[in-house]
């Protein structure tokens, strides 16, 4: 499941973790992302903060299923 850190002000993706093994460190914490960019968004300069529970969004991945028509198989 991908994890994206996004600027609250302009929507710039600051860091994206897509899969295990992507890098040596694993999933970075919000404080690490904040320190990497010096506490400010590189695009708009907005001060980066630590997300609250209300800021975290979980999107479910849509599953695609194949529907087979039994009449065509007979």
N, C-alpha and C. Protein backbone atom coordinates (compact mmCIF):
# COMPACT_ATOMS: atom_id res chain seq x y z
N UNK A 1 0.85 -1.17 0.00
CA UNK A 1 0.00 0.00 0.00
C UNK A 1 0.90 1.24 0.00
N UNK A 2 0.76 2.09 -1.00
CA UNK A 2 1.59 3.30 -1.06
C UNK A 2 1.26 4.28 0.07
N UNK A 3 2.30 4.96 0.53
CA UNK A 3 2.14 6.00 1.54
C UNK A 3 2.69 7.28 0.93
N UNK A 4 1.86 8.34 0.92
CA UNK A 4 2.29 9.62 0.35
C UNK A 4 2.26 10.69 1.42
N UNK A 5 3.31 11.49 1.47
CA UNK A 5 3.34 12.67 2.31
C UNK A 5 3.14 13.86 1.38
N UNK A 6 2.08 14.64 1.63
CA UNK A 6 1.67 15.72 0.74
C UNK A 6 1.60 17.02 1.52
N UNK A 7 2.01 18.13 0.88
CA UNK A 7 1.90 19.44 1.51
C UNK A 7 0.42 19.78 1.69
N UNK A 8 0.05 20.19 2.86
CA UNK A 8 -1.32 20.54 3.19
C UNK A 8 -1.79 21.78 2.43
N UNK A 9 -0.85 22.65 2.08
CA UNK A 9 -1.19 23.93 1.44
C UNK A 9 -1.31 23.82 -0.08
N UNK A 10 -0.29 23.27 -0.75
CA UNK A 10 -0.29 23.27 -2.22
C UNK A 10 -0.50 21.89 -2.84
N UNK A 11 -0.42 20.82 -2.04
CA UNK A 11 -0.66 19.48 -2.56
C UNK A 11 0.56 18.81 -3.19
N UNK A 12 1.73 19.41 -3.07
CA UNK A 12 2.95 18.81 -3.61
C UNK A 12 3.27 17.52 -2.87
N UNK A 13 3.58 16.46 -3.62
CA UNK A 13 3.98 15.20 -3.00
C UNK A 13 5.42 15.34 -2.53
N UNK A 14 5.61 15.26 -1.22
CA UNK A 14 6.94 15.41 -0.63
C UNK A 14 7.72 14.10 -0.63
N UNK A 15 7.02 13.00 -0.41
CA UNK A 15 7.68 11.69 -0.39
C UNK A 15 6.62 10.63 -0.67
N UNK A 16 7.01 9.60 -1.41
CA UNK A 16 6.08 8.52 -1.74
C UNK A 16 6.78 7.19 -1.48
N UNK A 17 6.20 6.38 -0.62
CA UNK A 17 6.72 5.04 -0.33
C UNK A 17 5.77 4.05 -0.98
N UNK A 18 6.26 3.32 -2.00
CA UNK A 18 5.37 2.46 -2.78
C UNK A 18 5.45 0.98 -2.43
N UNK A 19 6.63 0.50 -2.03
CA UNK A 19 6.74 -0.93 -1.76
C UNK A 19 7.89 -1.22 -0.80
N UNK A 20 7.82 -2.35 -0.15
CA UNK A 20 8.88 -2.78 0.75
C UNK A 20 10.12 -3.07 -0.08
N UNK A 21 11.27 -2.63 0.41
CA UNK A 21 12.51 -2.81 -0.32
C UNK A 21 12.83 -1.63 -1.22
N UNK A 22 11.97 -0.61 -1.21
CA UNK A 22 12.20 0.57 -2.05
C UNK A 22 13.50 1.26 -1.66
N UNK A 23 13.74 1.36 -0.38
CA UNK A 23 15.00 1.92 0.10
C UNK A 23 15.39 1.25 1.41
N UNK A 24 16.55 1.54 1.89
CA UNK A 24 17.10 0.89 3.07
C UNK A 24 16.33 1.24 4.34
N UNK A 25 15.79 2.44 4.42
CA UNK A 25 15.20 2.94 5.66
C UNK A 25 13.76 2.52 5.90
N UNK A 26 13.04 2.10 4.88
CA UNK A 26 11.63 1.74 5.04
C UNK A 26 10.76 2.99 5.04
N UNK A 27 9.62 2.90 5.69
CA UNK A 27 8.68 4.03 5.71
C UNK A 27 9.24 5.13 6.61
N UNK A 28 9.33 6.31 6.06
CA UNK A 28 9.83 7.45 6.85
C UNK A 28 8.69 8.03 7.68
N UNK A 29 9.04 8.57 8.83
CA UNK A 29 8.05 9.19 9.71
C UNK A 29 7.81 10.63 9.27
N UNK A 30 6.68 11.22 9.67
CA UNK A 30 6.43 12.63 9.34
C UNK A 30 7.54 13.56 9.83
N UNK A 31 8.13 13.27 10.99
CA UNK A 31 9.22 14.13 11.49
C UNK A 31 10.45 14.04 10.60
N UNK A 32 10.73 12.85 10.05
CA UNK A 32 11.87 12.71 9.14
C UNK A 32 11.63 13.50 7.85
N UNK A 33 10.43 13.43 7.33
CA UNK A 33 10.10 14.19 6.11
C UNK A 33 10.23 15.68 6.38
N UNK A 34 9.75 16.10 7.54
CA UNK A 34 9.85 17.52 7.92
C UNK A 34 11.31 17.96 7.99
N UNK A 35 12.17 17.13 8.59
CA UNK A 35 13.58 17.51 8.72
C UNK A 35 14.32 17.46 7.39
N UNK A 36 13.93 16.57 6.49
CA UNK A 36 14.56 16.49 5.17
C UNK A 36 14.40 17.81 4.42
N UNK A 37 13.21 18.40 4.52
CA UNK A 37 12.91 19.64 3.80
C UNK A 37 13.11 20.90 4.64
N UNK A 38 13.71 20.76 5.80
CA UNK A 38 13.98 21.92 6.64
C UNK A 38 12.73 22.54 7.23
N UNK A 39 11.66 21.74 7.35
CA UNK A 39 10.43 22.22 7.98
C UNK A 39 9.53 23.03 7.07
N UNK A 40 9.89 23.18 5.79
CA UNK A 40 9.09 23.97 4.85
C UNK A 40 8.90 23.21 3.55
N UNK A 41 7.74 23.44 2.92
CA UNK A 41 7.46 22.84 1.61
C UNK A 41 8.41 23.47 0.59
N UNK A 42 9.07 22.66 -0.24
CA UNK A 42 10.01 23.22 -1.22
C UNK A 42 9.32 24.03 -2.31
N UNK A 43 8.03 23.79 -2.53
CA UNK A 43 7.31 24.50 -3.60
C UNK A 43 6.71 25.81 -3.13
N UNK A 44 5.95 25.78 -2.02
CA UNK A 44 5.22 26.98 -1.61
C UNK A 44 5.79 27.64 -0.35
N UNK A 45 6.69 26.95 0.36
CA UNK A 45 7.30 27.53 1.55
C UNK A 45 6.45 27.43 2.80
N UNK A 46 5.31 26.75 2.72
CA UNK A 46 4.42 26.58 3.87
C UNK A 46 5.12 25.72 4.93
N UNK A 47 4.93 26.07 6.19
CA UNK A 47 5.55 25.30 7.27
C UNK A 47 4.91 23.92 7.36
N UNK A 48 5.76 22.90 7.39
CA UNK A 48 5.27 21.52 7.48
C UNK A 48 5.00 21.18 8.94
N UNK A 49 3.90 20.48 9.17
CA UNK A 49 3.55 20.07 10.53
C UNK A 49 3.40 18.57 10.61
N UNK A 50 3.15 18.08 11.79
CA UNK A 50 2.90 16.66 12.00
C UNK A 50 1.41 16.42 11.79
N UNK A 51 1.04 15.42 10.96
CA UNK A 51 -0.38 15.18 10.69
C UNK A 51 -1.15 14.69 11.91
N UNK A 52 -2.40 15.10 12.00
CA UNK A 52 -3.29 14.60 13.05
C UNK A 52 -4.05 13.39 12.48
N UNK A 53 -4.83 12.73 13.30
CA UNK A 53 -5.61 11.58 12.81
C UNK A 53 -6.60 12.00 11.73
N UNK A 54 -7.10 13.23 11.80
CA UNK A 54 -8.04 13.71 10.78
C UNK A 54 -7.37 13.96 9.44
N UNK A 55 -6.06 14.14 9.43
CA UNK A 55 -5.32 14.39 8.18
C UNK A 55 -5.02 13.11 7.42
N UNK A 56 -5.07 11.98 8.08
CA UNK A 56 -4.71 10.70 7.46
C UNK A 56 -5.90 10.18 6.67
N UNK A 57 -5.66 9.88 5.39
CA UNK A 57 -6.72 9.36 4.52
C UNK A 57 -6.32 7.97 4.04
N UNK A 58 -7.27 7.05 4.10
CA UNK A 58 -7.04 5.69 3.64
C UNK A 58 -7.98 5.44 2.47
N UNK A 59 -7.40 5.15 1.31
CA UNK A 59 -8.19 4.86 0.12
C UNK A 59 -8.08 3.37 -0.18
N UNK A 60 -9.22 2.73 -0.37
CA UNK A 60 -9.22 1.31 -0.68
C UNK A 60 -8.96 1.10 -2.16
N UNK A 61 -8.20 0.09 -2.46
CA UNK A 61 -7.90 -0.24 -3.84
C UNK A 61 -9.09 -1.00 -4.42
N UNK A 62 -9.51 -0.61 -5.61
CA UNK A 62 -10.65 -1.28 -6.24
C UNK A 62 -10.18 -2.61 -6.82
N UNK A 63 -10.95 -3.64 -6.55
CA UNK A 63 -10.62 -4.95 -7.10
C UNK A 63 -11.39 -5.13 -8.40
N UNK A 64 -10.72 -5.65 -9.39
CA UNK A 64 -11.39 -5.96 -10.64
C UNK A 64 -11.65 -7.45 -10.66
N UNK A 65 -12.83 -7.80 -11.03
CA UNK A 65 -13.18 -9.22 -11.09
C UNK A 65 -13.65 -9.55 -12.49
N UNK A 66 -13.33 -10.73 -12.90
CA UNK A 66 -13.78 -11.19 -14.21
C UNK A 66 -15.09 -11.95 -14.02
N UNK A 67 -16.04 -11.57 -14.81
CA UNK A 67 -17.33 -12.25 -14.75
C UNK A 67 -17.40 -13.20 -15.94
N UNK A 68 -17.58 -14.44 -15.64
CA UNK A 68 -17.66 -15.44 -16.70
C UNK A 68 -19.10 -15.86 -16.87
N UNK A 69 -19.53 -15.86 -18.08
CA UNK A 69 -20.90 -16.28 -18.38
C UNK A 69 -20.88 -17.80 -18.57
N UNK A 70 -21.61 -18.48 -17.70
CA UNK A 70 -21.60 -19.94 -17.74
C UNK A 70 -22.20 -20.48 -19.04
N UNK A 71 -23.14 -19.76 -19.61
CA UNK A 71 -23.77 -20.24 -20.84
C UNK A 71 -22.77 -20.32 -21.98
N UNK A 72 -21.80 -19.41 -22.02
CA UNK A 72 -20.82 -19.42 -23.10
C UNK A 72 -19.84 -20.57 -22.95
N UNK A 73 -19.64 -21.05 -21.73
CA UNK A 73 -18.71 -22.14 -21.50
C UNK A 73 -19.30 -23.50 -21.86
N UNK A 74 -20.59 -23.60 -21.93
CA UNK A 74 -21.24 -24.90 -22.21
C UNK A 74 -21.28 -25.22 -23.65
